[in-house]
């Protein structure tokens, strides 16, 4: 399968492009090129020009922002098949967060000028983009609700389930990163993970978490 065909598959999996026909996806995918990132390499920083849409072919990209106290807040993890950069590539404004490779990665890149030219020719894609942006707003609202109302075990279980959906049962993330992700201190996260380890829900290794019992973890995430 060619790289363009792989990108077409990724586009088809995304709600923004799901209703496009094979010919439309092929035309759009042929506008892309690929870019390689080393582990820890910065793709873009907050304030950079929003000049491209990205799709992860392989690897992992962290979407982060900095707090006033110098700490880092991880907003999302992007793995194979994920698209990101939709907001900046649409409005042409500066990036609102940083993107850093969590491991050696290869990305599909679709430049803004090429994408906007496609949208002018395919207006129904613009409608799908509106729906996607509304979905992102809902997601952000849910994360805010979690941080304010849900107890740590529920928040933690939900994040692990979401990461497992993207990366499988072996999640490469430190406890410190996970704590930032759920809005809790590393010590609190460690206590909860150790409790789940004793219950055989998961296992802990350096820099990664092995999820052993997704049924129990999903039940906790649902607050059952």
N, C-alpha and C. Protein backbone atom coordinates (compact mmCIF):
# COMPACT_ATOMS: atom_id res chain seq x y z
N UNK A 1 0.84 -1.19 0.00
CA UNK A 1 0.00 0.00 0.00
C UNK A 1 0.88 1.25 0.00
N UNK A 2 0.61 2.19 -0.90
CA UNK A 2 1.40 3.42 -0.98
C UNK A 2 1.11 4.31 0.22
N UNK A 3 2.00 5.27 0.45
CA UNK A 3 1.79 6.20 1.56
C UNK A 3 0.52 7.01 1.35
N UNK A 4 0.25 7.41 0.11
CA UNK A 4 -0.96 8.16 -0.17
C UNK A 4 -2.21 7.34 0.14
N UNK A 5 -2.15 6.04 -0.17
CA UNK A 5 -3.28 5.16 0.14
C UNK A 5 -3.45 5.02 1.65
N UNK A 6 -2.33 4.94 2.39
CA UNK A 6 -2.41 4.88 3.86
C UNK A 6 -3.04 6.14 4.42
N UNK A 7 -2.65 7.30 3.88
CA UNK A 7 -3.23 8.55 4.35
C UNK A 7 -4.71 8.61 4.05
N UNK A 8 -5.12 8.08 2.90
CA UNK A 8 -6.54 8.04 2.56
C UNK A 8 -7.32 7.21 3.58
N UNK A 9 -6.73 6.12 4.05
CA UNK A 9 -7.37 5.28 5.07
C UNK A 9 -7.53 6.05 6.37
N UNK A 10 -6.47 6.77 6.77
CA UNK A 10 -6.53 7.57 8.00
C UNK A 10 -7.61 8.65 7.87
N UNK A 11 -7.66 9.30 6.73
CA UNK A 11 -8.68 10.33 6.51
C UNK A 11 -10.07 9.73 6.61
N UNK A 12 -10.26 8.55 6.03
CA UNK A 12 -11.57 7.90 6.02
C UNK A 12 -12.03 7.56 7.44
N UNK A 13 -11.08 7.29 8.34
CA UNK A 13 -11.41 6.94 9.73
C UNK A 13 -11.81 8.16 10.54
N UNK A 14 -11.49 9.36 10.05
CA UNK A 14 -11.77 10.58 10.79
C UNK A 14 -13.15 11.10 10.42
N UNK A 15 -13.95 11.54 11.42
CA UNK A 15 -15.30 12.04 11.13
C UNK A 15 -15.33 13.17 10.11
N UNK A 16 -14.27 13.95 10.05
CA UNK A 16 -14.23 15.08 9.13
C UNK A 16 -14.31 14.63 7.67
N UNK A 17 -13.74 13.45 7.39
CA UNK A 17 -13.63 13.00 6.01
C UNK A 17 -14.39 11.69 5.74
N UNK A 18 -15.13 11.19 6.74
CA UNK A 18 -15.71 9.85 6.64
C UNK A 18 -16.69 9.70 5.48
N UNK A 19 -17.37 10.76 5.10
CA UNK A 19 -18.38 10.66 4.06
C UNK A 19 -17.84 10.92 2.66
N UNK A 20 -16.55 11.15 2.55
CA UNK A 20 -15.97 11.39 1.23
C UNK A 20 -15.86 10.09 0.45
N UNK A 21 -16.01 10.18 -0.85
CA UNK A 21 -15.87 9.02 -1.70
C UNK A 21 -14.41 8.68 -1.93
N UNK A 22 -14.17 7.52 -2.52
CA UNK A 22 -12.81 7.06 -2.75
C UNK A 22 -12.02 8.02 -3.64
N UNK A 23 -12.67 8.55 -4.66
CA UNK A 23 -11.98 9.47 -5.57
C UNK A 23 -11.59 10.76 -4.86
N UNK A 24 -12.49 11.27 -4.01
CA UNK A 24 -12.21 12.50 -3.28
C UNK A 24 -11.06 12.29 -2.30
N UNK A 25 -11.10 11.16 -1.59
CA UNK A 25 -10.02 10.85 -0.65
C UNK A 25 -8.68 10.69 -1.37
N UNK A 26 -8.73 10.09 -2.53
CA UNK A 26 -7.49 9.92 -3.30
C UNK A 26 -6.91 11.26 -3.72
N UNK A 27 -7.78 12.16 -4.17
CA UNK A 27 -7.29 13.48 -4.58
C UNK A 27 -6.69 14.23 -3.40
N UNK A 28 -7.34 14.13 -2.26
CA UNK A 28 -6.84 14.83 -1.07
C UNK A 28 -5.54 14.21 -0.57
N UNK A 29 -5.47 12.89 -0.53
CA UNK A 29 -4.28 12.22 -0.01
C UNK A 29 -3.05 12.47 -0.88
N UNK A 30 -3.25 12.72 -2.16
CA UNK A 30 -2.12 12.97 -3.04
C UNK A 30 -1.52 14.37 -2.82
N UNK A 31 -2.16 15.18 -1.99
CA UNK A 31 -1.62 16.50 -1.67
C UNK A 31 -0.63 16.44 -0.51
N UNK A 32 -0.54 15.29 0.15
CA UNK A 32 0.28 15.20 1.37
C UNK A 32 1.71 14.80 1.06
N UNK A 33 2.59 15.07 2.04
CA UNK A 33 3.93 14.51 2.04
C UNK A 33 4.22 14.00 3.45
N UNK A 34 5.34 13.36 3.68
CA UNK A 34 5.64 12.80 5.00
C UNK A 34 6.80 13.54 5.66
N UNK A 35 6.82 13.47 6.99
CA UNK A 35 7.86 14.10 7.78
C UNK A 35 8.24 13.18 8.93
N UNK A 36 9.54 13.03 9.18
CA UNK A 36 10.02 12.18 10.26
C UNK A 36 10.45 13.03 11.45
N UNK A 37 10.15 12.55 12.67
CA UNK A 37 10.54 13.21 13.90
C UNK A 37 11.30 12.22 14.78
N UNK A 38 12.38 12.68 15.40
CA UNK A 38 13.09 11.87 16.39
C UNK A 38 12.37 11.97 17.73
N UNK A 39 12.64 11.02 18.61
CA UNK A 39 12.06 11.06 19.94
C UNK A 39 12.42 12.37 20.64
N UNK A 40 11.41 13.10 21.12
CA UNK A 40 11.64 14.36 21.81
C UNK A 40 11.72 15.57 20.89
N UNK A 41 11.69 15.36 19.58
CA UNK A 41 11.79 16.48 18.64
C UNK A 41 10.48 17.28 18.63
N UNK A 42 10.60 18.59 18.61
CA UNK A 42 9.44 19.48 18.61
C UNK A 42 8.93 19.64 17.17
N UNK A 43 7.66 19.37 16.97
CA UNK A 43 7.03 19.56 15.65
C UNK A 43 6.66 21.03 15.47
N UNK A 44 5.97 21.58 16.47
CA UNK A 44 5.69 23.01 16.48
C UNK A 44 5.48 23.46 17.92
N UNK A 45 5.57 24.77 18.13
CA UNK A 45 5.37 25.35 19.46
C UNK A 45 4.21 26.32 19.44
N UNK A 46 3.67 26.54 20.62
CA UNK A 46 2.59 27.51 20.75
C UNK A 46 3.06 28.87 20.20
N UNK A 47 2.25 29.44 19.34
CA UNK A 47 2.61 30.71 18.72
C UNK A 47 3.15 30.56 17.31
N UNK A 48 3.55 29.33 16.91
CA UNK A 48 4.00 29.12 15.53
C UNK A 48 2.83 29.26 14.56
N UNK A 49 3.14 29.56 13.33
CA UNK A 49 2.10 29.70 12.31
C UNK A 49 1.41 28.35 12.08
N UNK A 50 0.08 28.39 11.97
CA UNK A 50 -0.69 27.18 11.70
C UNK A 50 -0.76 26.93 10.20
N UNK A 51 0.22 26.20 9.68
CA UNK A 51 0.32 26.08 8.22
C UNK A 51 0.13 24.66 7.70
N UNK A 52 -0.31 23.71 8.58
CA UNK A 52 -0.45 22.33 8.11
C UNK A 52 -1.35 21.52 9.03
N UNK A 53 -1.95 20.49 8.44
CA UNK A 53 -2.70 19.46 9.14
C UNK A 53 -1.82 18.21 9.18
N UNK A 54 -1.81 17.50 10.31
CA UNK A 54 -0.92 16.35 10.46
C UNK A 54 -1.71 15.08 10.75
N UNK A 55 -1.22 13.98 10.22
CA UNK A 55 -1.74 12.66 10.54
C UNK A 55 -0.59 11.77 10.96
N UNK A 56 -0.79 10.98 12.00
CA UNK A 56 0.29 10.12 12.51
C UNK A 56 0.28 8.81 11.74
N UNK A 57 1.37 8.55 11.03
CA UNK A 57 1.52 7.27 10.35
C UNK A 57 2.03 6.21 11.32
N UNK A 58 3.06 6.56 12.08
CA UNK A 58 3.54 5.70 13.16
C UNK A 58 4.23 6.57 14.20
N UNK A 59 4.23 6.06 15.45
CA UNK A 59 4.82 6.81 16.55
C UNK A 59 3.77 7.45 17.44
N UNK A 60 4.18 8.47 18.18
CA UNK A 60 3.29 9.16 19.11
C UNK A 60 3.70 10.62 19.23
N UNK A 61 2.71 11.50 19.26
CA UNK A 61 2.94 12.93 19.41
C UNK A 61 2.13 13.42 20.61
N UNK A 62 2.80 14.15 21.51
CA UNK A 62 2.13 14.74 22.67
C UNK A 62 1.73 16.18 22.35
N UNK A 63 0.49 16.53 22.65
CA UNK A 63 0.03 17.91 22.54
C UNK A 63 0.07 18.50 23.94
N UNK A 64 0.89 19.55 24.13
CA UNK A 64 1.18 20.06 25.47
C UNK A 64 1.07 21.58 25.50
N UNK A 65 0.97 22.08 26.72
CA UNK A 65 1.05 23.52 26.93
C UNK A 65 1.77 23.77 28.25
N UNK A 66 2.30 24.95 28.43
CA UNK A 66 3.03 25.28 29.65
C UNK A 66 2.17 26.08 30.61
N UNK A 67 2.35 25.80 31.90
CA UNK A 67 1.65 26.54 32.95
C UNK A 67 2.54 27.67 33.44
N UNK A 68 1.95 28.60 34.20
CA UNK A 68 2.68 29.77 34.67
C UNK A 68 3.80 29.39 35.64
N UNK A 69 3.67 28.22 36.31
CA UNK A 69 4.69 27.80 37.26
C UNK A 69 5.81 27.00 36.60
N UNK A 70 5.77 26.92 35.26
CA UNK A 70 6.82 26.21 34.54
C UNK A 70 6.54 24.75 34.27
N UNK A 71 5.46 24.22 34.82
CA UNK A 71 5.13 22.82 34.59
C UNK A 71 4.49 22.63 33.21
N UNK A 72 4.38 21.37 32.78
CA UNK A 72 3.81 21.04 31.49
C UNK A 72 2.48 20.34 31.68
N UNK A 73 1.50 20.73 30.87
CA UNK A 73 0.18 20.10 30.90
C UNK A 73 -0.04 19.38 29.58
N UNK A 74 -0.19 18.07 29.64
CA UNK A 74 -0.43 17.27 28.45
C UNK A 74 -1.92 17.30 28.14
N UNK A 75 -2.27 17.83 26.98
CA UNK A 75 -3.66 17.95 26.57
C UNK A 75 -4.16 16.71 25.87
N UNK A 76 -3.28 16.03 25.13
CA UNK A 76 -3.70 14.85 24.38
C UNK A 76 -2.49 14.09 23.89
N UNK A 77 -2.71 12.82 23.56
CA UNK A 77 -1.71 11.99 22.92
C UNK A 77 -2.23 11.58 21.55
N UNK A 78 -1.42 11.73 20.52
CA UNK A 78 -1.80 11.36 19.17
C UNK A 78 -1.00 10.15 18.73
N UNK A 79 -1.70 9.09 18.35
CA UNK A 79 -1.05 7.88 17.90
C UNK A 79 -1.39 7.56 16.46
N UNK A 80 -0.94 6.42 15.94
CA UNK A 80 -1.19 6.05 14.55
C UNK A 80 -2.67 6.15 14.18
N UNK A 81 -2.95 6.84 13.09
CA UNK A 81 -4.32 7.01 12.64
C UNK A 81 -4.98 8.29 13.10
N UNK A 82 -4.34 9.03 14.02
CA UNK A 82 -4.92 10.27 14.53
C UNK A 82 -4.53 11.46 13.66
N UNK A 83 -5.47 12.40 13.54
CA UNK A 83 -5.22 13.68 12.87
C UNK A 83 -5.21 14.79 13.90
N UNK A 84 -4.38 15.81 13.68
CA UNK A 84 -4.39 16.98 14.56
C UNK A 84 -3.92 18.20 13.79
N UNK A 85 -4.23 19.37 14.37
CA UNK A 85 -3.89 20.62 13.73
C UNK A 85 -5.02 21.21 12.92
N UNK A 86 -6.26 20.72 13.15
CA UNK A 86 -7.38 21.17 12.34
C UNK A 86 -7.71 22.65 12.55
N UNK A 87 -7.65 23.11 13.81
CA UNK A 87 -8.06 24.49 14.09
C UNK A 87 -7.14 25.49 13.41
N UNK A 88 -5.84 25.33 13.63
CA UNK A 88 -4.89 26.29 13.07
C UNK A 88 -4.85 26.23 11.55
N UNK A 89 -5.02 25.05 10.97
CA UNK A 89 -4.96 24.95 9.52
C UNK A 89 -6.19 25.58 8.87
N UNK A 90 -7.26 25.75 9.64
CA UNK A 90 -8.46 26.36 9.10
C UNK A 90 -8.43 27.87 9.20
N UNK A 91 -8.06 28.38 10.38
CA UNK A 91 -8.14 29.84 10.56
C UNK A 91 -6.82 30.55 10.27
N UNK A 92 -5.74 29.80 10.10
CA UNK A 92 -4.46 30.42 9.78
C UNK A 92 -3.81 31.14 10.94
N UNK A 93 -4.41 31.04 12.12
CA UNK A 93 -3.85 31.70 13.30
C UNK A 93 -2.73 30.85 13.90
N UNK A 94 -2.09 31.39 14.91
CA UNK A 94 -0.96 30.71 15.53
C UNK A 94 -1.40 29.46 16.29
N UNK A 95 -0.48 28.52 16.43
CA UNK A 95 -0.75 27.30 17.18
C UNK A 95 -1.09 27.64 18.62
N UNK A 96 -2.03 26.90 19.20
CA UNK A 96 -2.47 27.16 20.56
C UNK A 96 -1.80 26.24 21.58
N UNK A 97 -0.96 25.33 21.11
CA UNK A 97 -0.27 24.40 22.01
C UNK A 97 1.01 23.91 21.32
N UNK A 98 1.82 23.18 22.06
CA UNK A 98 3.04 22.58 21.52
C UNK A 98 2.76 21.15 21.07
N UNK A 99 3.54 20.67 20.12
CA UNK A 99 3.47 19.27 19.69
C UNK A 99 4.88 18.71 19.68
N UNK A 100 5.09 17.62 20.44
CA UNK A 100 6.41 17.01 20.59
C UNK A 100 6.31 15.51 20.39
N UNK A 101 7.26 14.93 19.67
CA UNK A 101 7.26 13.49 19.44
C UNK A 101 7.57 12.75 20.74
N UNK A 102 6.68 11.83 21.14
CA UNK A 102 6.92 11.02 22.32
C UNK A 102 7.82 9.83 22.02
N UNK A 103 8.02 9.56 20.75
CA UNK A 103 8.92 8.51 20.28
C UNK A 103 9.21 8.81 18.81
N UNK A 104 10.12 8.06 18.21
CA UNK A 104 10.39 8.26 16.79
C UNK A 104 9.09 8.12 16.01
N UNK A 105 8.79 9.09 15.17
CA UNK A 105 7.47 9.14 14.53
C UNK A 105 7.59 9.53 13.06
N UNK A 106 6.58 9.12 12.30
CA UNK A 106 6.44 9.55 10.92
C UNK A 106 5.05 10.12 10.74
N UNK A 107 4.97 11.31 10.16
CA UNK A 107 3.71 12.01 10.02
C UNK A 107 3.38 12.26 8.56
N UNK A 108 2.08 12.24 8.27
CA UNK A 108 1.59 12.78 7.01
C UNK A 108 1.36 14.27 7.21
N UNK A 109 1.71 15.07 6.23
CA UNK A 109 1.57 16.52 6.33
C UNK A 109 0.75 17.03 5.15
N UNK A 110 -0.29 17.80 5.46
CA UNK A 110 -1.13 18.42 4.43
C UNK A 110 -1.07 19.93 4.64
N UNK A 111 -0.46 20.64 3.73
CA UNK A 111 -0.26 22.07 3.87
C UNK A 111 -1.57 22.84 3.77
N UNK A 112 -1.63 23.96 4.49
CA UNK A 112 -2.86 24.75 4.58
C UNK A 112 -3.34 25.22 3.21
N UNK A 113 -2.43 25.73 2.39
CA UNK A 113 -2.86 26.26 1.10
C UNK A 113 -3.45 25.17 0.21
N UNK A 114 -2.89 23.96 0.30
CA UNK A 114 -3.43 22.84 -0.47
C UNK A 114 -4.79 22.40 0.08
N UNK A 115 -4.90 22.39 1.43
CA UNK A 115 -6.16 21.98 2.06
C UNK A 115 -7.29 22.96 1.76
N UNK A 116 -7.00 24.26 1.87
CA UNK A 116 -8.03 25.25 1.59
C UNK A 116 -8.47 25.23 0.13
N UNK A 117 -7.53 24.97 -0.76
CA UNK A 117 -7.89 24.83 -2.16
C UNK A 117 -8.84 23.66 -2.37
N UNK A 118 -8.59 22.57 -1.65
CA UNK A 118 -9.48 21.42 -1.73
C UNK A 118 -10.87 21.75 -1.19
N UNK A 119 -10.92 22.47 -0.06
CA UNK A 119 -12.21 22.83 0.54
C UNK A 119 -13.04 23.69 -0.41
N UNK A 120 -12.39 24.57 -1.15
CA UNK A 120 -13.12 25.40 -2.10
C UNK A 120 -13.79 24.54 -3.17
N UNK A 121 -13.16 23.44 -3.49
CA UNK A 121 -13.72 22.54 -4.50
C UNK A 121 -14.68 21.52 -3.91
N UNK A 122 -14.58 21.27 -2.57
CA UNK A 122 -15.40 20.24 -1.92
C UNK A 122 -16.07 20.84 -0.68
N UNK A 123 -17.13 21.63 -0.84
CA UNK A 123 -17.73 22.32 0.31
C UNK A 123 -18.32 21.40 1.36
N UNK A 124 -18.69 20.17 1.01
CA UNK A 124 -19.29 19.30 2.03
C UNK A 124 -18.26 18.90 3.10
N UNK A 125 -16.98 18.97 2.76
CA UNK A 125 -15.95 18.71 3.76
C UNK A 125 -15.97 19.79 4.83
N UNK A 126 -16.24 21.03 4.41
CA UNK A 126 -16.31 22.14 5.37
C UNK A 126 -17.42 21.89 6.39
N UNK A 127 -18.52 21.30 5.96
CA UNK A 127 -19.61 20.99 6.89
C UNK A 127 -19.15 19.96 7.91
N UNK A 128 -18.40 18.96 7.46
CA UNK A 128 -17.89 17.95 8.38
C UNK A 128 -16.92 18.55 9.39
N UNK A 129 -16.17 19.53 8.96
CA UNK A 129 -15.22 20.18 9.86
C UNK A 129 -15.96 20.89 10.98
N UNK A 130 -17.06 21.54 10.65
CA UNK A 130 -17.86 22.21 11.67
C UNK A 130 -18.31 21.20 12.72
N UNK A 131 -18.77 20.02 12.28
CA UNK A 131 -19.22 18.98 13.20
C UNK A 131 -18.07 18.50 14.08
N UNK A 132 -16.89 18.36 13.49
CA UNK A 132 -15.73 17.90 14.25
C UNK A 132 -15.34 18.91 15.32
N UNK A 133 -15.35 20.19 14.98
CA UNK A 133 -14.99 21.22 15.95
C UNK A 133 -15.99 21.25 17.10
N UNK A 134 -17.25 21.02 16.80
CA UNK A 134 -18.26 20.94 17.87
C UNK A 134 -17.97 19.75 18.78
N UNK A 135 -17.54 18.65 18.19
CA UNK A 135 -17.19 17.47 18.98
C UNK A 135 -16.00 17.78 19.90
N UNK A 136 -15.02 18.52 19.40
CA UNK A 136 -13.87 18.88 20.22
C UNK A 136 -14.29 19.76 21.39
N UNK A 137 -15.22 20.68 21.17
CA UNK A 137 -15.71 21.53 22.25
C UNK A 137 -16.37 20.69 23.33
N UNK A 138 -17.17 19.71 22.91
CA UNK A 138 -17.83 18.82 23.87
C UNK A 138 -16.78 18.04 24.66
N UNK A 139 -15.72 17.57 23.97
CA UNK A 139 -14.67 16.80 24.65
C UNK A 139 -14.00 17.65 25.71
N UNK A 140 -13.70 18.91 25.38
CA UNK A 140 -13.07 19.80 26.35
C UNK A 140 -13.98 20.05 27.55
N UNK A 141 -15.27 20.18 27.29
CA UNK A 141 -16.23 20.39 28.38
C UNK A 141 -16.27 19.19 29.31
N UNK A 142 -16.22 17.98 28.72
CA UNK A 142 -16.21 16.77 29.54
C UNK A 142 -14.96 16.69 30.40
N UNK A 143 -13.79 17.09 29.82
CA UNK A 143 -12.56 17.04 30.61
C UNK A 143 -12.64 18.03 31.78
N UNK A 144 -13.23 19.19 31.55
CA UNK A 144 -13.38 20.17 32.62
C UNK A 144 -14.30 19.63 33.71
N UNK A 145 -15.38 18.98 33.29
CA UNK A 145 -16.31 18.40 34.27
C UNK A 145 -15.62 17.32 35.09
N UNK A 146 -14.81 16.49 34.42
CA UNK A 146 -14.09 15.44 35.14
C UNK A 146 -13.18 16.02 36.22
N UNK A 147 -12.42 17.06 35.85
CA UNK A 147 -11.46 17.63 36.79
C UNK A 147 -12.14 18.27 37.99
N UNK A 148 -13.39 18.70 37.81
CA UNK A 148 -14.09 19.40 38.89
C UNK A 148 -14.97 18.47 39.72
N UNK A 149 -15.55 17.42 39.09
CA UNK A 149 -16.59 16.65 39.75
C UNK A 149 -16.25 15.19 40.01
N UNK A 150 -15.45 14.58 39.14
CA UNK A 150 -15.21 13.15 39.26
C UNK A 150 -14.02 12.85 40.17
N UNK A 151 -14.10 11.78 40.98
CA UNK A 151 -12.97 11.41 41.85
C UNK A 151 -11.79 10.90 41.01
N UNK A 152 -10.62 10.89 41.61
CA UNK A 152 -9.42 10.50 40.90
C UNK A 152 -9.50 9.11 40.26
N UNK A 153 -9.99 8.07 40.96
CA UNK A 153 -10.03 6.75 40.31
C UNK A 153 -10.81 6.76 38.99
N UNK A 154 -11.91 7.50 38.95
CA UNK A 154 -12.71 7.57 37.73
C UNK A 154 -11.95 8.30 36.64
N UNK A 155 -11.36 9.45 36.98
CA UNK A 155 -10.60 10.22 36.00
C UNK A 155 -9.43 9.40 35.45
N UNK A 156 -8.74 8.73 36.36
CA UNK A 156 -7.58 7.96 35.97
C UNK A 156 -7.97 6.78 35.08
N UNK A 157 -9.03 6.09 35.45
CA UNK A 157 -9.49 4.95 34.65
C UNK A 157 -9.94 5.40 33.26
N UNK A 158 -10.61 6.53 33.19
CA UNK A 158 -11.06 7.02 31.90
C UNK A 158 -9.88 7.37 31.00
N UNK A 159 -8.84 8.00 31.57
CA UNK A 159 -7.67 8.34 30.76
C UNK A 159 -6.97 7.08 30.27
N UNK A 160 -6.84 6.08 31.15
CA UNK A 160 -6.17 4.84 30.75
C UNK A 160 -6.98 4.10 29.68
N UNK A 161 -8.29 4.10 29.81
CA UNK A 161 -9.13 3.46 28.79
C UNK A 161 -9.00 4.18 27.45
N UNK A 162 -8.96 5.52 27.50
CA UNK A 162 -8.81 6.29 26.27
C UNK A 162 -7.46 6.03 25.62
N UNK A 163 -6.40 5.95 26.43
CA UNK A 163 -5.08 5.67 25.90
C UNK A 163 -5.02 4.25 25.33
N UNK A 164 -5.68 3.31 26.01
CA UNK A 164 -5.70 1.93 25.53
C UNK A 164 -6.41 1.82 24.19
N UNK A 165 -7.45 2.62 24.00
CA UNK A 165 -8.17 2.60 22.73
C UNK A 165 -7.27 3.03 21.57
N UNK A 166 -6.33 3.92 21.86
CA UNK A 166 -5.42 4.40 20.82
C UNK A 166 -4.16 3.55 20.69
N UNK A 167 -3.63 3.07 21.83
CA UNK A 167 -2.30 2.46 21.82
C UNK A 167 -2.26 1.01 22.28
N UNK A 168 -3.41 0.43 22.64
CA UNK A 168 -3.42 -0.95 23.09
C UNK A 168 -3.20 -1.09 24.58
N UNK A 169 -3.02 -2.31 25.04
CA UNK A 169 -2.96 -2.59 26.48
C UNK A 169 -1.63 -2.22 27.11
N UNK A 170 -0.63 -1.89 26.30
CA UNK A 170 0.66 -1.44 26.82
C UNK A 170 0.79 0.06 26.55
N UNK A 171 0.60 0.86 27.61
CA UNK A 171 0.58 2.32 27.48
C UNK A 171 1.92 2.88 27.93
N UNK A 172 2.61 3.56 27.03
CA UNK A 172 3.90 4.15 27.35
C UNK A 172 3.69 5.57 27.86
N UNK A 173 3.68 5.71 29.17
CA UNK A 173 3.47 7.01 29.80
C UNK A 173 4.00 6.94 31.22
N UNK A 174 4.64 8.01 31.67
CA UNK A 174 5.14 8.05 33.04
C UNK A 174 4.00 8.43 33.98
N UNK A 175 4.19 8.12 35.26
CA UNK A 175 3.17 8.48 36.24
C UNK A 175 3.06 9.99 36.38
N UNK A 176 4.16 10.68 36.21
CA UNK A 176 4.13 12.14 36.25
C UNK A 176 3.30 12.71 35.10
N UNK A 177 3.51 12.18 33.89
CA UNK A 177 2.71 12.63 32.75
C UNK A 177 1.24 12.31 32.95
N UNK A 178 0.96 11.14 33.48
CA UNK A 178 -0.42 10.74 33.72
C UNK A 178 -1.07 11.65 34.76
N UNK A 179 -0.30 12.04 35.78
CA UNK A 179 -0.81 12.94 36.79
C UNK A 179 -1.18 14.29 36.21
N UNK A 180 -0.32 14.81 35.33
CA UNK A 180 -0.63 16.08 34.67
C UNK A 180 -1.89 15.94 33.82
N UNK A 181 -2.02 14.79 33.18
CA UNK A 181 -3.14 14.55 32.28
C UNK A 181 -4.48 14.53 33.01
N UNK A 182 -4.50 14.02 34.26
CA UNK A 182 -5.76 13.92 35.01
C UNK A 182 -5.88 14.99 36.08
N UNK A 183 -4.88 15.88 36.18
CA UNK A 183 -4.96 16.97 37.15
C UNK A 183 -4.76 16.51 38.57
N UNK A 184 -3.75 15.65 38.81
CA UNK A 184 -3.49 15.13 40.16
C UNK A 184 -1.99 15.03 40.37
N UNK A 185 -1.59 15.02 41.64
CA UNK A 185 -0.18 14.88 41.98
C UNK A 185 0.31 13.48 41.65
N UNK A 186 1.59 13.38 41.33
CA UNK A 186 2.16 12.07 40.98
C UNK A 186 1.99 11.09 42.13
N UNK A 187 2.14 11.55 43.35
CA UNK A 187 2.01 10.66 44.50
C UNK A 187 0.61 10.05 44.59
N UNK A 188 -0.41 10.85 44.29
CA UNK A 188 -1.78 10.35 44.32
C UNK A 188 -2.02 9.33 43.22
N UNK A 189 -1.47 9.62 42.06
CA UNK A 189 -1.59 8.68 40.94
C UNK A 189 -0.89 7.37 41.27
N UNK A 190 0.29 7.46 41.85
CA UNK A 190 1.05 6.26 42.21
C UNK A 190 0.28 5.40 43.21
N UNK A 191 -0.32 6.01 44.22
CA UNK A 191 -1.08 5.24 45.21
C UNK A 191 -2.23 4.49 44.55
N UNK A 192 -2.92 5.15 43.65
CA UNK A 192 -4.06 4.50 42.99
C UNK A 192 -3.59 3.38 42.07
N UNK A 193 -2.52 3.62 41.34
CA UNK A 193 -2.00 2.58 40.44
C UNK A 193 -1.51 1.38 41.23
N UNK A 194 -0.87 1.63 42.37
CA UNK A 194 -0.39 0.51 43.19
C UNK A 194 -1.56 -0.30 43.73
N UNK A 195 -2.66 0.37 44.08
CA UNK A 195 -3.85 -0.34 44.55
C UNK A 195 -4.41 -1.22 43.44
N UNK A 196 -4.45 -0.69 42.22
CA UNK A 196 -4.95 -1.47 41.09
C UNK A 196 -4.00 -2.61 40.74
N UNK A 197 -2.72 -2.39 40.98
CA UNK A 197 -1.75 -3.45 40.73
C UNK A 197 -2.02 -4.64 41.65
N UNK A 198 -2.33 -4.37 42.90
CA UNK A 198 -2.63 -5.44 43.86
C UNK A 198 -3.91 -6.18 43.46
N UNK A 199 -4.81 -5.50 42.79
CA UNK A 199 -6.06 -6.12 42.34
C UNK A 199 -5.91 -6.78 40.98
N UNK A 200 -4.69 -6.78 40.44
CA UNK A 200 -4.39 -7.40 39.13
C UNK A 200 -5.13 -6.72 37.98
N UNK A 201 -5.45 -5.45 38.15
CA UNK A 201 -6.07 -4.68 37.07
C UNK A 201 -5.01 -4.24 36.08
N UNK A 202 -3.81 -3.98 36.60
CA UNK A 202 -2.72 -3.53 35.74
C UNK A 202 -1.38 -3.91 36.36
N UNK A 203 -0.35 -3.72 35.58
CA UNK A 203 1.01 -3.93 36.07
C UNK A 203 1.84 -2.70 35.71
N UNK A 204 2.82 -2.41 36.53
CA UNK A 204 3.63 -1.21 36.34
C UNK A 204 5.06 -1.59 35.99
N UNK A 205 5.58 -0.96 34.94
CA UNK A 205 6.97 -1.10 34.57
C UNK A 205 7.52 0.30 34.29
N UNK A 206 8.81 0.42 34.18
CA UNK A 206 9.43 1.73 34.01
C UNK A 206 8.93 2.41 32.73
N UNK A 207 8.24 3.53 32.92
CA UNK A 207 7.79 4.31 31.78
C UNK A 207 6.60 3.75 31.04
N UNK A 208 5.97 2.71 31.58
CA UNK A 208 4.81 2.14 30.89
C UNK A 208 3.88 1.45 31.87
N UNK A 209 2.64 1.29 31.45
CA UNK A 209 1.62 0.65 32.25
C UNK A 209 1.00 -0.45 31.41
N UNK A 210 0.94 -1.67 31.94
CA UNK A 210 0.36 -2.81 31.25
C UNK A 210 -1.03 -3.06 31.81
N UNK A 211 -2.03 -2.90 30.97
CA UNK A 211 -3.42 -3.05 31.41
C UNK A 211 -3.83 -4.51 31.31
N UNK A 212 -4.15 -5.13 32.45
CA UNK A 212 -4.42 -6.57 32.52
C UNK A 212 -5.90 -6.90 32.51
N UNK A 213 -6.72 -6.03 33.09
CA UNK A 213 -8.15 -6.34 33.20
C UNK A 213 -8.96 -5.12 32.75
N UNK A 214 -9.21 -5.05 31.45
CA UNK A 214 -9.92 -3.90 30.91
C UNK A 214 -11.38 -3.87 31.35
N UNK A 215 -11.95 -5.05 31.66
CA UNK A 215 -13.35 -5.09 32.11
C UNK A 215 -13.52 -4.33 33.42
N UNK A 216 -12.62 -4.60 34.38
CA UNK A 216 -12.69 -3.90 35.67
C UNK A 216 -12.36 -2.41 35.50
N UNK A 217 -11.36 -2.12 34.69
CA UNK A 217 -10.97 -0.73 34.50
C UNK A 217 -12.09 0.06 33.84
N UNK A 218 -12.76 -0.54 32.88
CA UNK A 218 -13.89 0.13 32.21
C UNK A 218 -15.03 0.37 33.19
N UNK A 219 -15.27 -0.59 34.07
CA UNK A 219 -16.33 -0.41 35.09
C UNK A 219 -16.01 0.76 36.01
N UNK A 220 -14.75 0.89 36.40
CA UNK A 220 -14.35 2.02 37.24
C UNK A 220 -14.52 3.32 36.49
N UNK A 221 -14.14 3.32 35.21
CA UNK A 221 -14.28 4.53 34.39
C UNK A 221 -15.74 4.98 34.27
N UNK A 222 -16.63 4.01 34.30
CA UNK A 222 -18.08 4.32 34.22
C UNK A 222 -18.66 4.64 35.59
N UNK A 223 -17.80 4.57 36.63
CA UNK A 223 -18.22 4.86 38.00
C UNK A 223 -19.28 3.86 38.47
N UNK A 224 -19.08 2.61 38.07
CA UNK A 224 -20.04 1.56 38.44
C UNK A 224 -19.64 0.90 39.76
